[in-house]
Amino acid sequence: MIEVDLQIPDSIDEKTIVRIVEHVCMMNGLTCTLKGTLAKYPDSIHWHLKNGKQKGILEITWWENEHRLWFKVAENRTSAWIKDNIPILKDQIEESV
């Protein structure tokens, strides 16, 4: 499993985070296949992202309660495009907040 935390300023609000995450992912050609919440992280926003028809799912979670944003990739859902794009997405999101 891969898990990568992003550095998010304390002053940023949920509405802004959601807008930035969705915009950066769209600009990088990613498609949201699921948007919801995780029971383990109450009131979180959780996305599943795909890159066209390529194998693999990148998960992103924003948990307002802990002011935490992170990427996660399950062992059975990894792919080269994910490993290549995590640093790019991380930089773009952190620079946008």
Protein backbone atom coordinates (compact mmCIF):
# COMPACT_ATOMS: atom_id res chain seq x y z
CA MET A 1 0.00 0.00 0.00
CA ILE A 2 1.13 3.54 -0.79
CA GLU A 3 0.00 6.43 1.42
CA VAL A 4 1.17 10.02 0.87
CA ASP A 5 0.13 13.00 3.02
CA LEU A 6 -0.15 16.47 1.52
CA GLN A 7 0.80 19.65 3.35
CA ILE A 8 -2.33 21.79 3.73
CA PRO A 9 -2.39 25.16 5.52
CA ASP A 10 -4.62 25.34 8.59
CA SER A 11 -6.49 28.29 7.10
CA ILE A 12 -7.85 26.34 4.11
CA ASP A 13 -11.53 25.37 4.18
CA GLU A 14 -13.24 22.23 2.88
CA LYS A 15 -14.97 23.95 -0.04
CA THR A 16 -11.62 25.23 -1.32
CA ILE A 17 -9.88 21.86 -0.89
CA VAL A 18 -12.64 20.06 -2.82
CA ARG A 19 -12.50 22.60 -5.65
CA ILE A 20 -8.69 22.42 -5.90
CA VAL A 21 -8.50 18.60 -5.74
CA GLU A 22 -11.17 18.15 -8.40
CA HIS A 23 -9.70 20.84 -10.66
CA VAL A 24 -6.12 19.49 -10.46
CA CYS A 25 -7.29 15.93 -11.13
CA MET A 26 -9.41 17.02 -14.09
CA MET A 27 -6.55 19.09 -15.56
CA ASN A 28 -4.36 15.96 -15.39
CA GLY A 29 -6.90 13.88 -17.30
CA LEU A 30 -8.16 11.87 -14.36
CA THR A 31 -11.78 10.77 -14.05
CA CYS A 32 -13.63 10.54 -10.75
CA THR A 33 -15.36 7.16 -10.58
CA LEU A 34 -16.54 7.50 -6.98
CA LYS A 35 -17.05 10.39 -4.57
CA GLY A 36 -18.32 9.70 -1.09
CA THR A 37 -17.22 9.32 2.49
CA LEU A 38 -15.40 6.66 4.52
CA ALA A 39 -16.99 5.27 7.69
CA LYS A 40 -13.53 5.10 9.27
CA TYR A 41 -13.18 8.88 8.79
CA PRO A 42 -16.52 10.52 9.67
CA ASP A 43 -17.47 13.51 7.49
CA SER A 44 -14.56 12.83 5.13
CA ILE A 45 -14.64 13.33 1.36
CA HIS A 46 -13.19 10.40 -0.54
CA TRP A 47 -12.51 10.12 -4.27
CA HIS A 48 -11.55 7.20 -6.54
CA LEU A 49 -9.70 8.37 -9.65
CA LYS A 50 -8.84 6.58 -12.86
CA ASN A 51 -6.72 7.46 -15.87
CA GLY A 52 -8.76 6.53 -18.92
CA LYS A 53 -8.96 2.77 -19.34
CA GLN A 54 -5.60 2.15 -17.66
CA LYS A 55 -5.39 -0.24 -14.74
CA GLY A 56 -5.28 1.19 -11.23
CA ILE A 57 -7.23 3.42 -8.85
CA LEU A 58 -5.85 6.42 -6.99
CA GLU A 59 -7.74 7.27 -3.82
CA ILE A 60 -7.73 10.76 -2.29
CA THR A 61 -9.27 11.54 1.08
CA TRP A 62 -9.92 14.88 2.78
CA TRP A 63 -10.76 14.59 6.48
CA GLU A 64 -11.82 17.96 7.82
CA ASN A 65 -11.87 16.72 11.45
CA GLU A 66 -8.08 16.21 11.34
CA HIS A 67 -7.40 18.75 8.58
CA ARG A 68 -5.71 15.98 6.60
CA LEU A 69 -5.50 15.30 2.86
CA TRP A 70 -3.80 12.17 1.55
CA PHE A 71 -3.38 9.83 -1.40
CA LYS A 72 -3.76 6.09 -0.97
CA VAL A 73 -3.17 3.23 -3.37
CA ALA A 74 -4.10 -0.32 -2.38
CA GLU A 75 -1.63 -3.06 -3.33
CA ASN A 76 -4.03 -4.63 -5.82
CA ARG A 77 -4.96 -1.27 -7.41
CA THR A 78 -1.55 0.14 -8.28
CA SER A 79 -0.22 1.04 -11.73
CA ALA A 80 2.70 2.92 -13.27
CA TRP A 81 0.54 5.96 -14.08
CA ILE A 82 -0.30 6.33 -10.38
CA LYS A 83 3.30 6.20 -9.20
CA ASP A 84 4.28 8.68 -11.93
CA ASN A 85 1.44 11.10 -11.16
CA ILE A 86 1.40 11.21 -7.34
CA PRO A 87 4.37 13.63 -7.11
CA ILE A 88 2.89 15.84 -9.86
CA LEU A 89 -0.57 15.94 -8.29
CA LYS A 90 0.92 16.53 -4.82
CA ASP A 91 2.95 19.51 -6.05
CA GLN A 92 0.04 21.02 -7.99
CA ILE A 93 -2.42 20.69 -5.11
CA GLU A 94 0.03 22.04 -2.51
CA GLU A 95 0.92 24.98 -4.77
CA SER A 96 -2.76 25.79 -5.28
CA VAL A 97 -3.76 26.03 -1.62
